[in-house]
Amino acid sequence: SELYRRLLVASERHLDACLQLADGVIPEASVRL
């Protein structure tokens, strides 16, 4: 739990930069994350 939460913000920035759909859209993360 603690390690995950310490890594979460930086890891989500990486997903914002690298995770795309086939049409080029970058899907947003749910607030429930």
PDB file of all heavy atoms in Angstrom:
ATOM      1  N   SER A   1       0.818  -1.205   0.000  1.00  0.00           N
ATOM      2  CA  SER A   1       0.000   0.000   0.000  1.00  0.00           C
ATOM      3  C   SER A   1       0.856   1.262   0.000  1.00  0.00           C
ATOM      4  O   SER A   1       0.667   2.164  -0.827  1.00  0.00           O
ATOM      5  CB  SER A   1      -0.921  -0.012   1.227  1.00  0.00           C
ATOM      6  OG  SER A   1      -1.537   1.243   1.406  1.00  0.00           O
ATOM      7  N   GLU A   2       1.811   1.336   0.928  1.00  0.00           N
ATOM      8  CA  GLU A   2       2.612   2.559   1.024  1.00  0.00           C
ATOM      9  C   GLU A   2       3.489   2.746  -0.210  1.00  0.00           C
ATOM     10  O   GLU A   2       3.583   3.857  -0.754  1.00  0.00           O
ATOM     11  CB  GLU A   2       3.481   2.532   2.280  1.00  0.00           C
ATOM     12  CG  GLU A   2       4.291   3.820   2.436  1.00  0.00           C
ATOM     13  CD  GLU A   2       5.137   3.866   3.691  1.00  0.00           C
ATOM     14  OE1 GLU A   2       4.922   3.032   4.590  1.00  0.00           O
ATOM     15  OE2 GLU A   2       6.020   4.754   3.768  1.00  0.00           O
ATOM     16  N   LEU A   3       4.107   1.678  -0.672  1.00  0.00           N
ATOM     17  CA  LEU A   3       4.973   1.804  -1.836  1.00  0.00           C
ATOM     18  C   LEU A   3       4.166   2.191  -3.074  1.00  0.00           C
ATOM     19  O   LEU A   3       4.589   3.047  -3.864  1.00  0.00           O
ATOM     20  CB  LEU A   3       5.710   0.474  -2.063  1.00  0.00           C
ATOM     21  CG  LEU A   3       6.740   0.431  -3.191  1.00  0.00           C
ATOM     22  CD1 LEU A   3       7.736   1.578  -3.079  1.00  0.00           C
ATOM     23  CD2 LEU A   3       7.472  -0.906  -3.178  1.00  0.00           C
ATOM     24  N   TYR A   4       3.003   1.604  -3.235  1.00  0.00           N
ATOM     25  CA  TYR A   4       2.142   1.918  -4.384  1.00  0.00           C
ATOM     26  C   TYR A   4       1.781   3.401  -4.378  1.00  0.00           C
ATOM     27  O   TYR A   4       1.871   4.077  -5.417  1.00  0.00           O
ATOM     28  CB  TYR A   4       0.879   1.067  -4.322  1.00  0.00           C
ATOM     29  CG  TYR A   4      -0.029   1.195  -5.523  1.00  0.00           C
ATOM     30  CD1 TYR A   4       0.153   0.383  -6.638  1.00  0.00           C
ATOM     31  CD2 TYR A   4      -1.080   2.110  -5.548  1.00  0.00           C
ATOM     32  CE1 TYR A   4      -0.684   0.486  -7.745  1.00  0.00           C
ATOM     33  CE2 TYR A   4      -1.919   2.219  -6.646  1.00  0.00           C
ATOM     34  CZ  TYR A   4      -1.719   1.401  -7.742  1.00  0.00           C
ATOM     35  OH  TYR A   4      -2.546   1.502  -8.824  1.00  0.00           O
ATOM     36  N   ARG A   5       1.401   3.905  -3.240  1.00  0.00           N
ATOM     37  CA  ARG A   5       0.957   5.299  -3.189  1.00  0.00           C
ATOM     38  C   ARG A   5       2.106   6.274  -3.376  1.00  0.00           C
ATOM     39  O   ARG A   5       1.924   7.375  -3.897  1.00  0.00           O
ATOM     40  CB  ARG A   5       0.198   5.547  -1.900  1.00  0.00           C
ATOM     41  CG  ARG A   5      -0.987   4.604  -1.791  1.00  0.00           C
ATOM     42  CD  ARG A   5      -2.120   5.045  -0.986  1.00  0.00           C
ATOM     43  NE  ARG A   5      -2.520   6.410  -1.155  1.00  0.00           N
ATOM     44  CZ  ARG A   5      -3.632   6.892  -0.617  1.00  0.00           C
ATOM     45  NH1 ARG A   5      -4.411   6.098   0.062  1.00  0.00           N
ATOM     46  NH2 ARG A   5      -3.956   8.139  -0.769  1.00  0.00           N
ATOM     47  N   ARG A   6       3.302   5.874  -2.988  1.00  0.00           N
ATOM     48  CA  ARG A   6       4.465   6.727  -3.227  1.00  0.00           C
ATOM     49  C   ARG A   6       4.849   6.750  -4.718  1.00  0.00           C
ATOM     50  O   ARG A   6       5.447   7.712  -5.187  1.00  0.00           O
ATOM     51  CB  ARG A   6       5.648   6.247  -2.392  1.00  0.00           C
ATOM     52  CG  ARG A   6       5.532   6.582  -0.903  1.00  0.00           C
ATOM     53  CD  ARG A   6       6.720   6.039  -0.119  1.00  0.00           C
ATOM     54  NE  ARG A   6       6.618   6.358   1.291  1.00  0.00           N
ATOM     55  CZ  ARG A   6       7.091   7.455   1.878  1.00  0.00           C
ATOM     56  NH1 ARG A   6       7.728   8.366   1.143  1.00  0.00           N
ATOM     57  NH2 ARG A   6       6.955   7.652   3.168  1.00  0.00           N
ATOM     58  N   LEU A   7       4.512   5.687  -5.452  1.00  0.00           N
ATOM     59  CA  LEU A   7       4.859   5.599  -6.871  1.00  0.00           C
ATOM     60  C   LEU A   7       3.750   6.121  -7.786  1.00  0.00           C
ATOM     61  O   LEU A   7       3.997   6.356  -8.982  1.00  0.00           O
ATOM     62  CB  LEU A   7       5.140   4.137  -7.250  1.00  0.00           C
ATOM     63  CG  LEU A   7       6.340   3.466  -6.582  1.00  0.00           C
ATOM     64  CD1 LEU A   7       6.320   1.960  -6.871  1.00  0.00           C
ATOM     65  CD2 LEU A   7       7.651   4.076  -7.074  1.00  0.00           C
ATOM     66  N   LEU A   8       2.554   6.319  -7.255  1.00  0.00           N
ATOM     67  CA  LEU A   8       1.380   6.514  -8.096  1.00  0.00           C
ATOM     68  C   LEU A   8       1.454   7.766  -8.976  1.00  0.00           C
ATOM     69  O   LEU A   8       1.212   7.698 -10.184  1.00  0.00           O
ATOM     70  CB  LEU A   8       0.123   6.568  -7.221  1.00  0.00           C
ATOM     71  CG  LEU A   8      -1.212   6.640  -7.972  1.00  0.00           C
ATOM     72  CD1 LEU A   8      -1.372   5.438  -8.900  1.00  0.00           C
ATOM     73  CD2 LEU A   8      -2.375   6.729  -6.986  1.00  0.00           C
ATOM     74  N   VAL A   9       1.765   8.915  -8.413  1.00  0.00           N
ATOM     75  CA  VAL A   9       1.716  10.168  -9.183  1.00  0.00           C
ATOM     76  C   VAL A   9       2.699  10.140 -10.335  1.00  0.00           C
ATOM     77  O   VAL A   9       2.356  10.453 -11.493  1.00  0.00           O
ATOM     78  CB  VAL A   9       1.976  11.375  -8.259  1.00  0.00           C
ATOM     79  CG1 VAL A   9       2.110  12.651  -9.094  1.00  0.00           C
ATOM     80  CG2 VAL A   9       0.850  11.522  -7.240  1.00  0.00           C
ATOM     81  N   ALA A  10       3.952   9.757 -10.060  1.00  0.00           N
ATOM     82  CA  ALA A  10       4.963   9.727 -11.123  1.00  0.00           C
ATOM     83  C   ALA A  10       4.620   8.680 -12.184  1.00  0.00           C
ATOM     84  O   ALA A  10       4.793   8.915 -13.384  1.00  0.00           O
ATOM     85  CB  ALA A  10       6.338   9.447 -10.527  1.00  0.00           C
ATOM     86  N   SER A  11       4.114   7.530 -11.756  1.00  0.00           N
ATOM     87  CA  SER A  11       3.779   6.482 -12.725  1.00  0.00           C
ATOM     88  C   SER A  11       2.601   6.897 -13.604  1.00  0.00           C
ATOM     89  O   SER A  11       2.555   6.557 -14.794  1.00  0.00           O
ATOM     90  CB  SER A  11       3.469   5.168 -12.001  1.00  0.00           C
ATOM     91  OG  SER A  11       2.346   5.289 -11.156  1.00  0.00           O
ATOM     92  N   GLU A  12       1.666   7.660 -13.059  1.00  0.00           N
ATOM     93  CA  GLU A  12       0.554   8.136 -13.867  1.00  0.00           C
ATOM     94  C   GLU A  12       1.003   9.182 -14.883  1.00  0.00           C
ATOM     95  O   GLU A  12       0.449   9.265 -15.983  1.00  0.00           O
ATOM     96  CB  GLU A  12      -0.543   8.714 -12.962  1.00  0.00           C
ATOM     97  CG  GLU A  12      -1.375   7.652 -12.257  1.00  0.00           C
ATOM     98  CD  GLU A  12      -2.147   6.785 -13.234  1.00  0.00           C
ATOM     99  OE1 GLU A  12      -2.912   7.328 -14.059  1.00  0.00           O
ATOM    100  OE2 GLU A  12      -1.969   5.545 -13.200  1.00  0.00           O
ATOM    101  N   ARG A  13       2.010   9.963 -14.548  1.00  0.00           N
ATOM    102  CA  ARG A  13       2.555  10.899 -15.542  1.00  0.00           C
ATOM    103  C   ARG A  13       3.137  10.125 -16.722  1.00  0.00           C
ATOM    104  O   ARG A  13       2.991  10.539 -17.887  1.00  0.00           O
ATOM    105  CB  ARG A  13       3.638  11.786 -14.905  1.00  0.00           C
ATOM    106  CG  ARG A  13       3.119  12.896 -14.024  1.00  0.00           C
ATOM    107  CD  ARG A  13       4.185  13.965 -13.807  1.00  0.00           C
ATOM    108  NE  ARG A  13       5.374  13.426 -13.177  1.00  0.00           N
ATOM    109  CZ  ARG A  13       5.623  13.478 -11.864  1.00  0.00           C
ATOM    110  NH1 ARG A  13       4.744  14.044 -11.042  1.00  0.00           N
ATOM    111  NH2 ARG A  13       6.733  12.977 -11.369  1.00  0.00           N
ATOM    112  N   HIS A  14       3.786   9.009 -16.439  1.00  0.00           N
ATOM    113  CA  HIS A  14       4.341   8.185 -17.519  1.00  0.00           C
ATOM    114  C   HIS A  14       3.213   7.629 -18.390  1.00  0.00           C
ATOM    115  O   HIS A  14       3.337   7.610 -19.631  1.00  0.00           O
ATOM    116  CB  HIS A  14       5.169   7.042 -16.933  1.00  0.00           C
ATOM    117  CG  HIS A  14       5.829   6.191 -17.972  1.00  0.00           C
ATOM    118  ND1 HIS A  14       6.809   6.665 -18.824  1.00  0.00           N
ATOM    119  CD2 HIS A  14       5.638   4.876 -18.313  1.00  0.00           C
ATOM    120  CE1 HIS A  14       7.188   5.695 -19.634  1.00  0.00           C
ATOM    121  NE2 HIS A  14       6.502   4.602 -19.358  1.00  0.00           N
ATOM    122  N   LEU A  15       2.127   7.191 -17.783  1.00  0.00           N
ATOM    123  CA  LEU A  15       0.998   6.684 -18.561  1.00  0.00           C
ATOM    124  C   LEU A  15       0.368   7.797 -19.395  1.00  0.00           C
ATOM    125  O   LEU A  15      -0.041   7.573 -20.535  1.00  0.00           O
ATOM    126  CB  LEU A  15      -0.036   6.055 -17.634  1.00  0.00           C
ATOM    127  CG  LEU A  15       0.371   4.711 -17.021  1.00  0.00           C
ATOM    128  CD1 LEU A  15      -0.601   4.306 -15.910  1.00  0.00           C
ATOM    129  CD2 LEU A  15       0.429   3.629 -18.093  1.00  0.00           C
ATOM    130  N   ASP A  16       0.283   9.000 -18.844  1.00  0.00           N
ATOM    131  CA  ASP A  16      -0.234  10.132 -19.623  1.00  0.00           C
ATOM    132  C   ASP A  16       0.599  10.364 -20.877  1.00  0.00           C
ATOM    133  O   ASP A  16       0.086  10.766 -21.927  1.00  0.00           O
ATOM    134  CB  ASP A  16      -0.224  11.408 -18.772  1.00  0.00           C
ATOM    135  CG  ASP A  16      -1.321  11.415 -17.720  1.00  0.00           C
ATOM    136  OD1 ASP A  16      -2.315  10.686 -17.892  1.00  0.00           O
ATOM    137  OD2 ASP A  16      -1.172  12.139 -16.717  1.00  0.00           O
ATOM    138  N   ALA A  17       1.895  10.094 -20.788  1.00  0.00           N
ATOM    139  CA  ALA A  17       2.792  10.347 -21.917  1.00  0.00           C
ATOM    140  C   ALA A  17       2.823   9.197 -22.916  1.00  0.00           C
ATOM    141  O   ALA A  17       3.095   9.420 -24.101  1.00  0.00           O
ATOM    142  CB  ALA A  17       4.204  10.610 -21.397  1.00  0.00           C
ATOM    143  N   CYS A  18       2.523   7.978 -22.453  1.00  0.00           N
ATOM    144  CA  CYS A  18       2.801   6.806 -23.297  1.00  0.00           C
ATOM    145  C   CYS A  18       1.594   5.932 -23.628  1.00  0.00           C
ATOM    146  O   CYS A  18       1.669   5.119 -24.549  1.00  0.00           O
ATOM    147  CB  CYS A  18       3.859   5.916 -22.621  1.00  0.00           C
ATOM    148  SG  CYS A  18       5.449   6.729 -22.410  1.00  0.00           S
ATOM    149  N   LEU A  19       0.505   6.057 -22.905  1.00  0.00           N
ATOM    150  CA  LEU A  19      -0.626   5.161 -23.145  1.00  0.00           C
ATOM    151  C   LEU A  19      -1.631   5.845 -24.069  1.00  0.00           C
ATOM    152  O   LEU A  19      -2.179   6.898 -23.728  1.00  0.00           O
ATOM    153  CB  LEU A  19      -1.294   4.770 -21.823  1.00  0.00           C
ATOM    154  CG  LEU A  19      -2.297   3.604 -21.909  1.00  0.00           C
ATOM    155  CD1 LEU A  19      -2.313   2.826 -20.590  1.00  0.00           C
ATOM    156  CD2 LEU A  19      -3.704   4.075 -22.227  1.00  0.00           C
ATOM    157  N   GLN A  20      -1.843   5.260 -25.236  1.00  0.00           N
ATOM    158  CA  GLN A  20      -2.775   5.805 -26.217  1.00  0.00           C
ATOM    159  C   GLN A  20      -3.732   4.726 -26.702  1.00  0.00           C
ATOM    160  O   GLN A  20      -3.467   3.534 -26.577  1.00  0.00           O
ATOM    161  CB  GLN A  20      -2.015   6.343 -27.442  1.00  0.00           C
ATOM    162  CG  GLN A  20      -1.124   7.527 -27.204  1.00  0.00           C
ATOM    163  CD  GLN A  20      -0.479   7.995 -28.495  1.00  0.00           C
ATOM    164  OE1 GLN A  20      -0.813   7.521 -29.588  1.00  0.00           O
ATOM    165  NE2 GLN A  20       0.458   8.930 -28.379  1.00  0.00           N
ATOM    166  N   LEU A  21      -4.834   5.190 -27.278  1.00  0.00           N
ATOM    167  CA  LEU A  21      -5.722   4.307 -28.015  1.00  0.00           C
ATOM    168  C   LEU A  21      -5.326   4.325 -29.483  1.00  0.00           C
ATOM    169  O   LEU A  21      -4.499   5.137 -29.918  1.00  0.00           O
ATOM    170  CB  LEU A  21      -7.170   4.760 -27.845  1.00  0.00           C
ATOM    171  CG  LEU A  21      -7.701   4.835 -26.412  1.00  0.00           C
ATOM    172  CD1 LEU A  21      -9.166   5.253 -26.404  1.00  0.00           C
ATOM    173  CD2 LEU A  21      -7.509   3.515 -25.682  1.00  0.00           C
ATOM    174  N   ALA A  22      -5.924   3.429 -30.258  1.00  0.00           N
ATOM    175  CA  ALA A  22      -5.559   3.310 -31.674  1.00  0.00           C
ATOM    176  C   ALA A  22      -5.803   4.601 -32.449  1.00  0.00           C
ATOM    177  O   ALA A  22      -5.115   4.887 -33.430  1.00  0.00           O
ATOM    178  CB  ALA A  22      -6.330   2.152 -32.305  1.00  0.00           C
ATOM    179  N   ASP A  23      -6.788   5.394 -32.018  1.00  0.00           N
ATOM    180  CA  ASP A  23      -7.084   6.646 -32.724  1.00  0.00           C
ATOM    181  C   ASP A  23      -6.250   7.819 -32.224  1.00  0.00           C
ATOM    182  O   ASP A  23      -6.470   8.966 -32.614  1.00  0.00           O
ATOM    183  CB  ASP A  23      -8.573   6.973 -32.618  1.00  0.00           C
ATOM    184  CG  ASP A  23      -9.049   7.140 -31.173  1.00  0.00           C
ATOM    185  OD1 ASP A  23      -8.202   7.107 -30.250  1.00  0.00           O
ATOM    186  OD2 ASP A  23     -10.268   7.276 -30.960  1.00  0.00           O
ATOM    187  N   GLY A  24      -5.277   7.549 -31.352  1.00  0.00           N
ATOM    188  CA  GLY A  24      -4.387   8.585 -30.852  1.00  0.00           C
ATOM    189  C   GLY A  24      -4.852   9.270 -29.590  1.00  0.00           C
ATOM    190  O   GLY A  24      -4.107  10.075 -29.009  1.00  0.00           O
ATOM    191  N   VAL A  25      -6.068   8.990 -29.144  1.00  0.00           N
ATOM    192  CA  VAL A  25      -6.589   9.603 -27.918  1.00  0.00           C
ATOM    193  C   VAL A  25      -5.843   9.058 -26.702  1.00  0.00           C
ATOM    194  O   VAL A  25      -5.540   7.862 -26.629  1.00  0.00           O
ATOM    195  CB  VAL A  25      -8.096   9.335 -27.781  1.00  0.00           C
ATOM    196  CG1 VAL A  25      -8.611   9.745 -26.401  1.00  0.00           C
ATOM    197  CG2 VAL A  25      -8.859  10.062 -28.872  1.00  0.00           C
ATOM    198  N   ILE A  26      -5.537   9.939 -25.755  1.00  0.00           N
ATOM    199  CA  ILE A  26      -4.931   9.529 -24.485  1.00  0.00           C
ATOM    200  C   ILE A  26      -6.059   9.427 -23.457  1.00  0.00           C
ATOM    201  O   ILE A  26      -6.633  10.451 -23.061  1.00  0.00           O
ATOM    202  CB  ILE A  26      -3.874  10.539 -24.021  1.00  0.00           C
ATOM    203  CG1 ILE A  26      -2.746  10.633 -25.051  1.00  0.00           C
ATOM    204  CG2 ILE A  26      -3.317  10.142 -22.653  1.00  0.00           C
ATOM    205  CD1 ILE A  26      -1.739  11.726 -24.765  1.00  0.00           C
ATOM    206  N   PRO A  27      -6.441   8.241 -23.039  1.00  0.00           N
ATOM    207  CA  PRO A  27      -7.562   8.108 -22.099  1.00  0.00           C
ATOM    208  C   PRO A  27      -7.192   8.632 -20.714  1.00  0.00           C
ATOM    209  O   PRO A  27      -6.075   8.419 -20.230  1.00  0.00           O
ATOM    210  CB  PRO A  27      -7.814   6.597 -22.070  1.00  0.00           C
ATOM    211  CG  PRO A  27      -6.498   5.987 -22.425  1.00  0.00           C
ATOM    212  CD  PRO A  27      -5.843   6.941 -23.397  1.00  0.00           C
ATOM    213  N   GLU A  28      -8.114   9.327 -20.085  1.00  0.00           N
ATOM    214  CA  GLU A  28      -7.866   9.872 -18.751  1.00  0.00           C
ATOM    215  C   GLU A  28      -8.126   8.819 -17.689  1.00  0.00           C
ATOM    216  O   GLU A  28      -8.975   7.948 -17.830  1.00  0.00           O
ATOM    217  CB  GLU A  28      -8.766  11.088 -18.506  1.00  0.00           C
ATOM    218  CG  GLU A  28      -8.446  12.277 -19.389  1.00  0.00           C
ATOM    219  CD  GLU A  28      -9.280  13.492 -19.024  1.00  0.00           C
ATOM    220  OE1 GLU A  28     -10.054  13.398 -18.041  1.00  0.00           O
ATOM    221  OE2 GLU A  28      -9.171  14.521 -19.707  1.00  0.00           O
ATOM    222  N   ALA A  29      -7.403   8.935 -16.603  1.00  0.00           N
ATOM    223  CA  ALA A  29      -7.581   8.015 -15.484  1.00  0.00           C
ATOM    224  C   ALA A  29      -8.797   8.405 -14.671  1.00  0.00           C
ATOM    225  O   ALA A  29      -9.098   9.589 -14.487  1.00  0.00           O
ATOM    226  CB  ALA A  29      -6.343   8.022 -14.600  1.00  0.00           C
ATOM    227  N   SER A  30      -9.520   7.413 -14.189  1.00  0.00           N
ATOM    228  CA  SER A  30     -10.661   7.654 -13.322  1.00  0.00           C
ATOM    229  C   SER A  30     -10.195   8.239 -11.987  1.00  0.00           C
ATOM    230  O   SER A  30      -9.119   7.898 -11.481  1.00  0.00           O
ATOM    231  CB  SER A  30     -11.400   6.330 -13.071  1.00  0.00           C
ATOM    232  OG  SER A  30     -12.297   6.451 -11.990  1.00  0.00           O
ATOM    233  N   VAL A  31     -11.015   9.112 -11.418  1.00  0.00           N
ATOM    234  CA  VAL A  31     -10.679   9.685 -10.117  1.00  0.00           C
ATOM    235  C   VAL A  31     -10.643   8.597  -9.042  1.00  0.00           C
ATOM    236  O   VAL A  31     -10.008   8.757  -7.992  1.00  0.00           O
ATOM    237  CB  VAL A  31     -11.687  10.777  -9.716  1.00  0.00           C
ATOM    238  CG1 VAL A  31     -11.582  11.952 -10.664  1.00  0.00           C
ATOM    239  CG2 VAL A  31     -13.115  10.241  -9.683  1.00  0.00           C
ATOM    240  N   ARG A  32     -11.317   7.469  -9.295  1.00  0.00           N
ATOM    241  CA  ARG A  32     -11.337   6.387  -8.321  1.00  0.00           C
ATOM    242  C   ARG A  32      -9.980   5.718  -8.169  1.00  0.00           C
ATOM    243  O   ARG A  32      -9.742   4.995  -7.201  1.00  0.00           O
ATOM    244  CB  ARG A  32     -12.389   5.345  -8.715  1.00  0.00           C
ATOM    245  CG  ARG A  32     -13.818   5.875  -8.695  1.00  0.00           C
ATOM    246  CD  ARG A  32     -14.808   4.778  -9.015  1.00  0.00           C
ATOM    247  NE  ARG A  32     -14.761   3.715  -8.019  1.00  0.00           N
ATOM    248  CZ  ARG A  32     -15.471   2.598  -8.121  1.00  0.00           C
ATOM    249  NH1 ARG A  32     -16.246   2.396  -9.171  1.00  0.00           N
ATOM    250  NH2 ARG A  32     -15.389   1.673  -7.188  1.00  0.00           N
ATOM    251  N   LEU A  33      -9.076   5.975  -9.110  1.00  0.00           N
ATOM    252  CA  LEU A  33      -7.741   5.406  -9.014  1.00  0.00           C
ATOM    253  C   LEU A  33      -7.085   5.784  -7.692  1.00  0.00           C
ATOM    254  O   LEU A  33      -6.395   4.971  -7.066  1.00  0.00           O
ATOM    255  CB  LEU A  33      -6.887   5.903 -10.188  1.00  0.00           C
ATOM    256  CG  LEU A  33      -5.411   5.523 -10.185  1.00  0.00           C
ATOM    257  CD1 LEU A  33      -5.247   4.020 -10.398  1.00  0.00           C
ATOM    258  CD2 LEU A  33      -4.658   6.291 -11.266  1.00  0.00           C
TER     259      LEU A  33
END
